[in-house]
N, C-alpha and C. Protein backbone atom coordinates (compact mmCIF):
# COMPACT_ATOMS: atom_id res chain seq x y z
N UNK A 1 -108.65 162.66 147.17
CA UNK A 1 -107.87 163.83 146.82
C UNK A 1 -108.85 164.69 145.41
N UNK A 2 -109.35 166.47 145.34
CA UNK A 2 -110.51 166.15 144.05
C UNK A 2 -109.47 166.83 143.11
N UNK A 3 -109.72 166.28 142.27
CA UNK A 3 -109.07 166.99 140.92
C UNK A 3 -110.52 167.92 140.68
N UNK A 4 -109.67 168.48 139.16
CA UNK A 4 -110.76 169.85 138.12
C UNK A 4 -111.85 168.71 137.16
N UNK A 5 -111.59 167.15 137.13
CA UNK A 5 -112.47 167.16 137.09
C UNK A 5 -113.13 165.76 137.52
N UNK A 6 -113.11 165.91 138.75
CA UNK A 6 -113.78 164.72 139.58
C UNK A 6 -115.32 164.98 139.29
N UNK A 7 -115.62 163.43 139.11
CA UNK A 7 -117.32 163.53 138.72
C UNK A 7 -117.88 163.28 140.42
N UNK A 8 -119.14 164.29 139.80
CA UNK A 8 -119.84 164.95 141.47
C UNK A 8 -119.82 163.39 142.19
N UNK A 9 -120.73 163.48 143.65
CA UNK A 9 -121.16 162.13 144.66
C UNK A 9 -122.74 161.53 144.42
N UNK A 10 -123.50 162.32 143.24
CA UNK A 10 -124.28 162.50 143.20
C UNK A 10 -125.24 163.53 142.24
N UNK A 11 -126.54 162.49 141.43
CA UNK A 11 -126.37 163.93 140.44
C UNK A 11 -128.14 164.12 140.61
N UNK A 12 -128.42 165.73 140.04
CA UNK A 12 -129.75 165.39 140.18
C UNK A 12 -130.75 164.60 139.22
N UNK A 13 -131.43 163.47 139.52
CA UNK A 13 -131.48 162.70 138.39
C UNK A 13 -132.60 163.43 137.37
N UNK A 14 -133.76 164.05 137.85
CA UNK A 14 -135.47 164.74 137.66
C UNK A 14 -134.72 165.90 136.95
N UNK A 15 -133.50 166.33 136.77
CA UNK A 15 -133.03 167.03 135.90
C UNK A 15 -132.63 166.75 135.01
N UNK A 16 -131.95 165.88 134.81
CA UNK A 16 -131.04 165.17 133.68
C UNK A 16 -132.07 164.56 132.74
N UNK A 17 -133.06 163.92 133.70
CA UNK A 17 -134.09 163.27 132.51
C UNK A 17 -135.27 164.62 131.81
N UNK A 18 -135.04 165.68 132.26
CA UNK A 18 -135.98 166.87 131.62
C UNK A 18 -135.76 167.56 130.23
N UNK A 19 -134.28 167.49 130.87
CA UNK A 19 -132.95 168.25 129.97
C UNK A 19 -132.95 166.57 129.15
N UNK A 20 -133.22 165.20 129.02
CA UNK A 20 -132.49 164.49 127.32
C UNK A 20 -134.03 164.05 126.90
N UNK A 21 -135.64 164.74 127.87
CA UNK A 21 -136.54 164.56 127.24
C UNK A 21 -136.55 165.52 126.44
N UNK A 22 -136.05 167.04 126.52
CA UNK A 22 -136.30 168.46 125.89
C UNK A 22 -135.74 167.91 124.78
N UNK A 23 -134.58 166.93 124.28
CA UNK A 23 -133.25 167.38 123.93
C UNK A 23 -134.03 166.21 122.68
N UNK A 24 -134.83 165.29 123.10
CA UNK A 24 -135.23 163.87 121.94
C UNK A 24 -136.14 164.86 121.34
N UNK A 25 -136.78 165.65 122.38
CA UNK A 25 -138.13 166.82 121.32
C UNK A 25 -138.18 167.50 120.68
N UNK A 26 -136.53 167.80 121.16
CA UNK A 26 -136.70 169.43 119.65
C UNK A 26 -135.44 168.35 118.44
N UNK A 27 -135.11 167.39 118.41
CA UNK A 27 -133.56 166.70 117.69
C UNK A 27 -135.25 166.23 116.36
N UNK A 28 -136.61 166.34 117.19
CA UNK A 28 -137.50 165.39 116.37
C UNK A 28 -138.35 166.29 115.20
N UNK A 29 -137.99 166.26 113.61
CA UNK A 29 -139.16 166.70 113.09
C UNK A 29 -140.38 167.65 113.35
N UNK A 30 -140.77 168.90 113.06
CA UNK A 30 -141.43 169.65 113.00
C UNK A 30 -142.77 169.92 111.90
N UNK A 31 -143.36 170.35 111.81
CA UNK A 31 -144.48 170.51 111.42
C UNK A 31 -143.73 171.02 109.85
N UNK A 32 -142.59 172.12 109.59
CA UNK A 32 -142.13 172.58 108.39
C UNK A 32 -141.68 171.32 107.60
N UNK A 33 -141.69 171.84 106.06
CA UNK A 33 -141.71 170.97 105.53
C UNK A 33 -140.98 171.03 103.68
N UNK A 34 -139.74 170.98 103.31
CA UNK A 34 -139.79 171.17 101.40
C UNK A 34 -139.23 170.40 101.01
N UNK A 35 -139.89 170.31 99.52
CA UNK A 35 -139.54 169.00 98.82
C UNK A 35 -139.26 169.63 97.67
N UNK A 36 -138.17 169.37 96.98
CA UNK A 36 -137.52 169.93 95.74
C UNK A 36 -136.85 168.45 95.02
N UNK A 37 -137.78 168.72 93.69
CA UNK A 37 -137.94 167.91 92.38
C UNK A 37 -137.13 168.23 91.33
N UNK A 38 -135.88 167.24 91.33
CA UNK A 38 -135.42 167.52 89.79
C UNK A 38 -136.08 167.03 88.28
N UNK A 39 -136.34 167.54 87.76
CA UNK A 39 -136.97 166.50 86.22
C UNK A 39 -135.64 164.60 86.43
N UNK A 40 -136.41 163.84 85.34
CA UNK A 40 -135.63 163.01 85.11
C UNK A 40 -134.51 163.23 84.15
N UNK A 41 -133.02 162.15 84.52
CA UNK A 41 -132.47 162.26 83.93
C UNK A 41 -131.62 161.31 83.02
N UNK A 42 -130.83 161.40 82.15
CA UNK A 42 -130.61 160.22 81.07
C UNK A 42 -131.95 159.86 79.73
N UNK A 43 -131.41 159.04 79.77
CA UNK A 43 -132.10 158.28 78.41
C UNK A 43 -133.26 156.83 79.14
N UNK A 44 -134.79 156.82 78.85
CA UNK A 44 -134.78 156.07 79.26
C UNK A 44 -134.62 154.38 79.22
N UNK A 45 -133.35 154.14 78.80
CA UNK A 45 -132.79 153.07 77.86
C UNK A 45 -131.72 152.30 79.50
N UNK A 46 -131.89 153.78 79.88
CA UNK A 46 -130.75 153.66 81.28
C UNK A 46 -131.57 152.94 82.90
N UNK A 47 -130.21 152.47 83.78
CA UNK A 47 -130.97 152.07 85.17
C UNK A 47 -132.61 152.82 85.20
N UNK A 48 -133.34 152.10 85.52
CA UNK A 48 -134.28 152.87 86.35
C UNK A 48 -134.77 154.22 87.34
N UNK A 49 -133.60 154.17 88.34
CA UNK A 49 -134.09 155.40 89.12
C UNK A 49 -133.41 156.64 89.17
N UNK A 50 -132.65 156.40 87.00
CA UNK A 50 -132.46 157.85 86.67
C UNK A 50 -133.84 158.23 85.63
N UNK A 51 -134.74 156.78 85.42
CA UNK A 51 -135.66 157.66 84.70
C UNK A 51 -136.76 158.57 85.42
N UNK A 52 -136.39 158.36 86.90
CA UNK A 52 -137.81 158.66 87.61
C UNK A 52 -137.07 160.62 88.45
N UNK A 53 -137.77 161.59 88.13
CA UNK A 53 -137.06 162.54 89.03
C UNK A 53 -136.54 162.00 90.23
N UNK A 54 -135.59 163.25 90.46
CA UNK A 54 -134.60 163.12 92.06
C UNK A 54 -135.38 163.94 93.05
N UNK A 55 -135.98 163.75 94.26
CA UNK A 55 -136.36 164.49 94.94
C UNK A 55 -135.26 164.15 96.42
N UNK A 56 -135.79 165.90 96.85
CA UNK A 56 -135.15 165.60 98.43
C UNK A 56 -135.77 166.19 99.49
N UNK A 57 -135.77 165.81 100.57
CA UNK A 57 -137.01 166.18 101.67
C UNK A 57 -136.33 166.65 102.64
N UNK A 58 -136.56 168.56 103.00
CA UNK A 58 -135.64 169.01 103.59
C UNK A 58 -136.81 168.98 105.18
N UNK A 59 -137.50 168.22 106.56
CA UNK A 59 -138.07 168.36 107.51
C UNK A 59 -137.22 169.28 108.66
N UNK A 60 -138.02 170.32 108.75
CA UNK A 60 -137.06 171.32 109.53
C UNK A 60 -136.84 170.67 111.07
N UNK A 61 -136.48 170.60 111.44
CA UNK A 61 -136.33 170.37 113.82
C UNK A 61 -136.89 170.99 114.51
N UNK A 62 -137.49 170.76 115.50
CA UNK A 62 -138.02 171.25 116.33
C UNK A 62 -137.51 173.17 117.35
N UNK A 63 -136.25 172.65 117.27
CA UNK A 63 -135.22 173.32 117.65
C UNK A 63 -134.75 173.94 116.53
N UNK A 64 -135.39 175.02 116.52
CA UNK A 64 -134.75 175.95 114.41
C UNK A 64 -133.37 175.94 114.42
N UNK A 65 -132.19 176.60 115.19
CA UNK A 65 -131.18 176.11 115.20
C UNK A 65 -130.34 175.28 114.40
N UNK A 66 -131.00 173.95 114.61
CA UNK A 66 -130.30 172.66 114.21
C UNK A 66 -130.66 172.68 113.00
N UNK A 67 -129.82 171.26 112.52
CA UNK A 67 -130.11 171.84 110.51
C UNK A 67 -130.94 170.10 110.39
N UNK A 68 -131.82 170.83 109.49
CA UNK A 68 -132.43 170.16 109.01
C UNK A 68 -132.42 168.22 108.66
N UNK A 69 -133.78 167.54 108.95
CA UNK A 69 -133.83 166.74 108.19
C UNK A 69 -133.67 166.30 106.78
N UNK A 70 -132.99 165.75 105.74
CA UNK A 70 -132.84 165.60 104.55
C UNK A 70 -132.81 163.78 104.54
N UNK A 71 -133.84 163.53 103.35
CA UNK A 71 -133.64 162.73 102.20
C UNK A 71 -134.01 162.48 101.22
N UNK A 72 -133.53 161.46 100.72
CA UNK A 72 -133.77 161.18 98.69
C UNK A 72 -134.49 160.76 98.71
N UNK A 73 -135.43 161.08 97.41
CA UNK A 73 -135.92 159.08 96.78
C UNK A 73 -136.25 159.94 95.89
N UNK A 74 -137.08 158.75 94.81
CA UNK A 74 -137.42 159.01 93.43
C UNK A 74 -138.25 158.79 93.44
N UNK A 75 -139.17 160.51 92.58
CA UNK A 75 -140.58 160.51 92.36
C UNK A 75 -140.97 159.56 91.78
N UNK A 76 -142.35 158.08 91.91
CA UNK A 76 -142.60 157.73 90.65
C UNK A 76 -143.58 157.30 90.19
N UNK A 77 -144.99 157.73 91.34
CA UNK A 77 -145.97 158.43 91.23
C UNK A 77 -146.86 159.47 92.37
N UNK A 78 -147.69 159.66 91.95
CA UNK A 78 -148.63 160.16 93.34
C UNK A 78 -149.87 160.41 93.53
N UNK A 79 -150.60 160.63 94.42
CA UNK A 79 -151.73 159.92 95.49
C UNK A 79 -152.33 161.32 95.69
N UNK A 80 -153.57 161.40 94.77
CA UNK A 80 -154.21 162.97 96.10
C UNK A 80 -155.87 162.39 96.16
N UNK A 81 -156.09 163.28 97.54
CA UNK A 81 -157.25 162.97 97.79
C UNK A 81 -157.83 164.84 97.89
N UNK A 82 -158.96 164.43 97.27
CA UNK A 82 -159.18 166.13 97.22
C UNK A 82 -160.64 165.95 97.79
N UNK A 83 -161.56 167.76 97.86
CA UNK A 83 -162.74 167.95 98.53
C UNK A 83 -163.21 169.18 98.23
N UNK A 84 -164.25 169.45 97.83
CA UNK A 84 -164.73 171.22 97.83
C UNK A 84 -164.27 171.21 98.72
N UNK A 85 -163.58 172.42 98.95
CA UNK A 85 -163.37 173.61 99.71
C UNK A 85 -164.50 175.00 99.95
N UNK A 86 -164.81 175.54 98.70
CA UNK A 86 -165.81 176.58 99.16
C UNK A 86 -166.57 176.72 97.77
N UNK A 87 -167.75 176.91 97.32
CA UNK A 87 -168.45 177.51 96.26
C UNK A 87 -169.11 178.85 96.59
N UNK A 88 -168.63 179.64 96.70
CA UNK A 88 -169.27 181.07 96.49
C UNK A 88 -169.24 182.31 95.02
N UNK A 89 -170.15 182.76 95.17
CA UNK A 89 -170.33 183.39 94.11
C UNK A 89 -169.24 184.73 93.17
N UNK A 90 -168.64 185.52 94.53
CA UNK A 90 -167.42 185.90 94.35
C UNK A 90 -166.25 184.95 94.32
N UNK A 91 -166.18 184.81 95.35
CA UNK A 91 -164.19 183.74 95.27
C UNK A 91 -164.35 182.39 94.38
N UNK A 92 -165.39 182.05 93.50
CA UNK A 92 -165.77 181.39 92.82
C UNK A 92 -165.59 179.91 93.17
N UNK A 93 -165.06 178.46 93.14
CA UNK A 93 -164.75 177.13 93.17
C UNK A 93 -163.31 177.06 93.75
N UNK A 94 -163.18 176.86 94.58
CA UNK A 94 -161.46 176.05 95.54
C UNK A 94 -162.43 174.78 95.41
N UNK A 95 -160.88 174.10 95.35
CA UNK A 95 -160.81 172.62 95.74
C UNK A 95 -158.93 172.53 97.28
N UNK A 96 -159.59 171.67 97.59
CA UNK A 96 -158.88 171.16 98.98
C UNK A 96 -157.85 170.19 98.17
N UNK A 97 -156.20 170.35 98.07
CA UNK A 97 -156.12 168.81 97.49
C UNK A 97 -154.83 168.21 98.35
N UNK A 98 -155.20 167.35 98.88
CA UNK A 98 -153.54 166.65 99.47
C UNK A 98 -152.95 165.77 98.81
N UNK A 99 -151.68 166.06 98.17
CA UNK A 99 -150.80 165.43 97.31
C UNK A 99 -150.16 164.33 98.47
N UNK A 100 -149.50 163.27 97.81
CA UNK A 100 -148.59 162.48 98.34
C UNK A 100 -147.78 161.72 97.31
N UNK A 101 -146.65 161.89 97.43
CA UNK A 101 -145.86 161.53 96.63
C UNK A 101 -145.32 160.48 96.99
N UNK A 102 -145.32 159.30 95.84
CA UNK A 102 -145.29 157.38 95.46
C UNK A 102 -143.83 157.72 95.43
N UNK A 103 -142.84 156.94 95.88
CA UNK A 103 -141.54 156.96 95.56
C UNK A 103 -140.74 155.28 96.18
N UNK A 104 -139.43 155.95 95.43
CA UNK A 104 -138.46 154.51 96.07
C UNK A 104 -137.56 155.24 96.67
N UNK A 105 -137.02 155.10 97.88
CA UNK A 105 -137.92 154.87 99.39
C UNK A 105 -138.57 154.97 99.85
N UNK A 106 -139.86 154.77 99.74
CA UNK A 106 -141.32 156.09 100.86
C UNK A 106 -141.72 156.29 100.46
N UNK A 107 -142.37 157.65 101.00
CA UNK A 107 -143.34 158.71 100.44
C UNK A 107 -143.68 159.85 101.17
N UNK A 108 -144.08 161.62 101.22
CA UNK A 108 -144.13 162.23 101.10
C UNK A 108 -145.24 163.11 101.25
N UNK A 109 -146.31 162.97 102.18
CA UNK A 109 -147.81 163.31 101.97
C UNK A 109 -147.14 164.91 102.52
N UNK A 110 -147.42 165.98 101.32
CA UNK A 110 -147.53 166.99 101.57
C UNK A 110 -149.25 168.36 102.21
N UNK A 111 -148.48 168.91 103.02
CA UNK A 111 -149.83 170.15 103.27
C UNK A 111 -150.37 170.15 102.28
N UNK A 112 -151.98 170.29 103.01
CA UNK A 112 -153.14 170.45 102.08
C UNK A 112 -153.36 172.15 100.95
N UNK A 113 -153.67 172.05 99.38
CA UNK A 113 -153.22 173.68 99.27
C UNK A 113 -154.62 173.33 98.49
N UNK A 114 -155.25 174.34 98.49
CA UNK A 114 -155.99 175.38 98.28
C UNK A 114 -156.12 175.63 96.84
N UNK A 115 -157.03 175.17 95.53
CA UNK A 115 -156.95 176.12 94.37
C UNK A 115 -158.11 176.05 93.52
N UNK A 116 -157.95 176.78 92.69
CA UNK A 116 -159.39 176.37 91.78
C UNK A 116 -158.97 175.17 91.04
N UNK A 117 -157.51 174.63 90.65
CA UNK A 117 -157.49 173.50 89.54
C UNK A 117 -158.15 171.95 90.51
N UNK A 118 -158.63 171.26 89.48
CA UNK A 118 -158.70 170.49 89.47
C UNK A 118 -158.02 168.63 90.04
N UNK A 119 -158.25 168.15 90.28
CA UNK A 119 -157.47 167.01 90.93
C UNK A 119 -157.21 166.41 89.85
N UNK A 120 -157.61 166.30 88.73
CA UNK A 120 -157.59 165.78 87.34
C UNK A 120 -156.27 166.81 86.74
N UNK A 121 -156.97 167.64 86.83
CA UNK A 121 -155.27 168.93 85.76
C UNK A 121 -153.97 168.78 87.09
N UNK A 122 -153.88 168.32 88.56
CA UNK A 122 -152.77 169.05 89.31
C UNK A 122 -152.16 167.21 88.46
N UNK A 123 -152.92 166.00 88.66
CA UNK A 123 -152.21 164.29 88.88
C UNK A 123 -151.85 164.34 87.22
N UNK A 124 -152.48 164.99 85.79
CA UNK A 124 -152.09 165.19 84.86
C UNK A 124 -150.80 166.09 84.91
N UNK A 125 -150.06 166.85 85.62
CA UNK A 125 -149.14 167.99 85.63
C UNK A 125 -147.78 167.46 86.17
N UNK A 126 -147.93 166.47 87.08
CA UNK A 126 -147.41 166.55 87.49
C UNK A 126 -147.16 165.09 87.11
N UNK A 127 -148.14 164.08 86.24
CA UNK A 127 -147.58 162.59 85.33
C UNK A 127 -146.51 163.28 84.52
N UNK A 128 -146.96 164.46 83.62
CA UNK A 128 -145.53 164.94 82.71
C UNK A 128 -144.73 165.26 83.22
N UNK A 129 -144.23 165.78 84.31
CA UNK A 129 -142.97 166.29 85.18
C UNK A 129 -142.14 164.67 85.12
N UNK A 130 -142.95 163.78 85.93
CA UNK A 130 -142.43 162.21 86.41
C UNK A 130 -142.31 161.64 84.50
N UNK A 131 -142.48 162.16 83.85
CA UNK A 131 -142.46 161.85 82.26
C UNK A 131 -141.29 162.59 81.56
N UNK A 132 -140.33 163.40 82.13
CA UNK A 132 -139.90 164.49 82.07
C UNK A 132 -140.11 165.60 80.42
N UNK A 133 -141.35 165.41 80.70
CA UNK A 133 -141.57 167.09 80.19
C UNK A 133 -142.20 168.63 80.77
N UNK A 134 -142.35 169.05 80.29
CA UNK A 134 -142.33 170.82 81.04
C UNK A 134 -141.67 170.87 81.95
N UNK A 135 -141.55 171.15 82.94
CA UNK A 135 -140.46 172.08 84.10
C UNK A 135 -139.02 171.06 84.75
N UNK A 136 -138.19 171.52 84.32
CA UNK A 136 -137.48 170.95 85.08
C UNK A 136 -137.51 170.30 86.41
N UNK A 137 -138.12 171.82 86.92
CA UNK A 137 -137.98 171.52 88.94
C UNK A 137 -139.13 171.67 89.50
N UNK A 138 -139.53 170.81 90.23
CA UNK A 138 -140.67 171.78 91.08
C UNK A 138 -140.27 171.15 92.42
N UNK A 139 -140.83 172.05 92.75
CA UNK A 139 -141.01 173.03 94.34
C UNK A 139 -142.12 173.09 95.39
N UNK A 140 -142.17 172.57 96.64
CA UNK A 140 -143.43 172.43 97.99
C UNK A 140 -142.63 173.36 99.04
N UNK A 141 -142.78 174.16 99.69
CA UNK A 141 -142.25 174.42 100.90
C UNK A 141 -143.45 174.46 101.68
N UNK A 142 -143.61 174.18 102.97
CA UNK A 142 -144.51 174.51 103.96
C UNK A 142 -144.42 175.10 105.14
N UNK A 143 -144.63 176.94 105.33
CA UNK A 143 -143.86 177.05 105.97
C UNK A 143 -143.89 176.49 107.29
N UNK A 144 -142.76 177.12 108.97
CA UNK A 144 -142.77 176.42 110.00
C UNK A 144 -144.54 177.38 110.47
N UNK A 145 -144.59 176.92 111.26
CA UNK A 145 -145.73 177.83 111.92
C UNK A 145 -145.46 177.89 113.30
N UNK A 146 -146.37 179.37 113.80
CA UNK A 146 -145.22 179.88 115.08
C UNK A 146 -146.24 179.52 116.49
N UNK A 147 -146.63 178.56 116.05
CA UNK A 147 -147.39 177.99 117.00
C UNK A 147 -146.25 177.07 117.28
N UNK A 148 -145.56 176.06 116.31
CA UNK A 148 -144.29 174.90 116.58
C UNK A 148 -143.80 175.99 117.38
N UNK A 149 -143.11 176.93 116.98
CA UNK A 149 -142.07 177.52 118.00
C UNK A 149 -142.49 177.55 119.79
N UNK A 150 -143.97 177.99 119.71
CA UNK A 150 -144.79 178.14 120.98
C UNK A 150 -144.81 177.15 121.77
N UNK A 151 -144.93 176.00 121.47
CA UNK A 151 -145.26 175.04 121.55
C UNK A 151 -143.55 174.42 122.63
N UNK A 152 -142.81 174.52 121.42
CA UNK A 152 -141.33 173.86 122.15
C UNK A 152 -140.85 174.83 123.51
N UNK A 153 -141.52 176.51 123.38
CA UNK A 153 -140.28 177.12 123.99
C UNK A 153 -142.02 176.60 125.96
N UNK A 154 -143.17 176.35 125.44
CA UNK A 154 -143.89 175.50 126.64
C UNK A 154 -143.44 174.79 127.62
N UNK A 155 -143.10 173.96 126.20
CA UNK A 155 -142.41 172.26 126.46
C UNK A 155 -140.64 172.34 128.02
N UNK A 156 -140.47 173.49 127.21
CA UNK A 156 -138.63 173.45 127.61
C UNK A 156 -139.45 174.27 128.55
N UNK A 157 -140.02 175.03 129.06
CA UNK A 157 -140.40 175.94 130.18
C UNK A 157 -140.92 175.16 131.47
N UNK A 158 -141.65 174.04 131.17
CA UNK A 158 -142.34 173.53 131.61
C UNK A 158 -141.40 172.38 132.34
N UNK A 159 -141.04 171.90 131.20
CA UNK A 159 -139.43 171.20 132.07
C UNK A 159 -138.55 171.70 132.78
N UNK A 160 -138.66 172.94 132.28
CA UNK A 160 -137.19 173.59 133.52
C UNK A 160 -137.73 173.88 134.58
N UNK A 161 -139.30 174.29 134.84
CA UNK A 161 -139.78 173.92 136.22
C UNK A 161 -139.81 173.10 136.82
N UNK A 162 -140.22 171.66 136.25
CA UNK A 162 -140.12 170.53 136.70
C UNK A 162 -138.26 170.40 137.41
N UNK A 163 -137.59 170.21 136.74
CA UNK A 163 -136.43 170.72 137.12
C UNK A 163 -135.80 170.76 138.44
N UNK A 164 -136.00 172.29 138.37
CA UNK A 164 -136.04 172.87 139.44
C UNK A 164 -136.64 172.51 141.04
N UNK A 165 -137.77 172.25 139.93
CA UNK A 165 -138.80 171.75 141.87
C UNK A 165 -138.17 170.76 142.09
N UNK A 166 -137.23 170.09 141.28
CA UNK A 166 -137.43 168.90 141.76
C UNK A 166 -135.57 168.21 141.58
N UNK A 167 -134.90 169.90 141.73
CA UNK A 167 -132.95 169.31 142.24
C UNK A 167 -132.89 168.24 142.64
N UNK A 168 -133.31 168.71 144.08
CA UNK A 168 -132.84 167.81 145.36
C UNK A 168 -132.94 166.17 145.08
N UNK A 169 -133.76 166.12 144.32
CA UNK A 169 -133.85 164.56 143.99
C UNK A 169 -132.69 164.15 143.14
N UNK A 170 -131.82 163.51 143.89
CA UNK A 170 -130.32 163.08 143.55
C UNK A 170 -130.39 161.15 143.11
N UNK A 171 -128.70 160.80 142.78
CA UNK A 171 -128.48 159.76 142.59
C UNK A 171 -127.39 159.29 142.86
N UNK A 172 -126.96 158.62 143.32
CA UNK A 172 -127.54 158.39 144.70
C UNK A 172 -127.68 158.92 145.91
N UNK A 173 -128.39 158.22 146.52
CA UNK A 173 -128.84 159.26 147.41
C UNK A 173 -127.82 160.30 148.50
N UNK A 174 -127.75 161.43 148.77
CA UNK A 174 -126.79 161.42 149.96
C UNK A 174 -127.90 161.15 150.87
N UNK A 175 -126.54 160.69 152.15
CA UNK A 175 -126.51 160.96 153.75
C UNK A 175 -126.67 161.47 154.08
N UNK A 176 -127.42 161.70 155.46
CA UNK A 176 -127.52 163.19 155.63
C UNK A 176 -126.48 163.20 157.06
N UNK A 177 -126.22 164.48 156.55
CA UNK A 177 -125.09 165.27 157.60
C UNK A 177 -124.83 164.34 158.97
N UNK A 178 -123.31 163.96 160.00
CA UNK A 178 -124.22 163.91 161.09
C UNK A 178 -123.34 165.02 161.92
N UNK A 179 -122.86 165.77 161.41
CA UNK A 179 -122.79 167.50 162.11
C UNK A 179 -123.76 167.77 162.44
N UNK A 180 -124.83 168.00 161.57
CA UNK A 180 -126.58 168.42 161.35
C UNK A 180 -127.23 167.84 162.24
N UNK A 181 -126.94 166.57 162.89
CA UNK A 181 -127.83 165.99 163.60
C UNK A 181 -127.37 166.34 165.41
N UNK A 182 -126.21 166.37 164.84
CA UNK A 182 -125.39 167.01 166.23
C UNK A 182 -125.89 167.79 166.56
N UNK A 183 -125.56 168.80 165.69
CA UNK A 183 -125.58 170.44 166.05
C UNK A 183 -127.21 170.44 166.18
N UNK A 184 -128.07 169.74 166.02
CA UNK A 184 -129.50 170.24 166.56
C UNK A 184 -130.23 169.29 167.70
N UNK A 185 -128.99 168.45 168.69
CA UNK A 185 -128.90 167.61 169.29
C UNK A 185 -128.54 168.81 170.61
N UNK A 186 -128.01 169.30 169.86
CA UNK A 186 -126.71 170.60 171.32
C UNK A 186 -127.67 172.16 171.03
N UNK A 187 -128.66 171.97 170.22
CA UNK A 187 -129.35 173.63 170.37
C UNK A 187 -130.78 173.05 171.55
N UNK A 188 -131.11 172.12 171.85
CA UNK A 188 -132.18 171.62 172.67
C UNK A 188 -131.77 170.97 174.15
N UNK A 189 -130.63 170.90 174.78
CA UNK A 189 -130.00 169.40 175.44
C UNK A 189 -131.17 169.20 176.75
N UNK A 190 -131.10 168.05 176.72
CA UNK A 190 -131.95 168.04 177.33
C UNK A 190 -131.97 168.01 179.24
N UNK A 191 -132.62 168.09 180.43
CA UNK A 191 -132.46 168.86 181.18
C UNK A 191 -131.45 167.30 182.02
N UNK A 192 -130.72 167.89 182.82
CA UNK A 192 -129.97 167.33 183.73
C UNK A 192 -131.49 166.79 185.27
N UNK A 193 -131.45 166.09 185.79
CA UNK A 193 -132.02 166.34 187.10
C UNK A 193 -131.31 165.84 187.71
N UNK A 194 -131.42 166.71 189.00
CA UNK A 194 -130.72 166.53 190.34
C UNK A 194 -131.53 165.58 191.58
């Protein structure tokens, strides 16, 4: 006797696998990133975490409608890798910097920035912020590239096509209907010899 919530006898395992793969991919963090750091709070004699700026990292998921992945850490130091991007007579000198914010727990590497400022001037400004001097808040934002949305859409389309093409692969496998076999036999009955 069938009920309203009865389970099917067999399930399309390839379609379910494709849906799980897409869900796992979409729940992962994408390239978009936002970091907001508030200046250090409290007196230097207080506990160590309050001596350092508190930062919140938000990483957008590949499926845009889902909430971002967030984590907190205390900014303790900064590393920078720099190189000369261009040196044109009209545009001037520009450096490419990749900042890594070191803290407790973990670290965050920001997207590469182009600026005429030297690496030393950036490090000095960040060290002043960590020491509680200057600005009360620092913020970095890496926009979500349109290529990320396009990649997610293409992966979803390919998985949907795969699931549709392999829909008949089910577990457990359904045995062939005996009526279909009998019906095929009746379409072409063997001739009787007299």
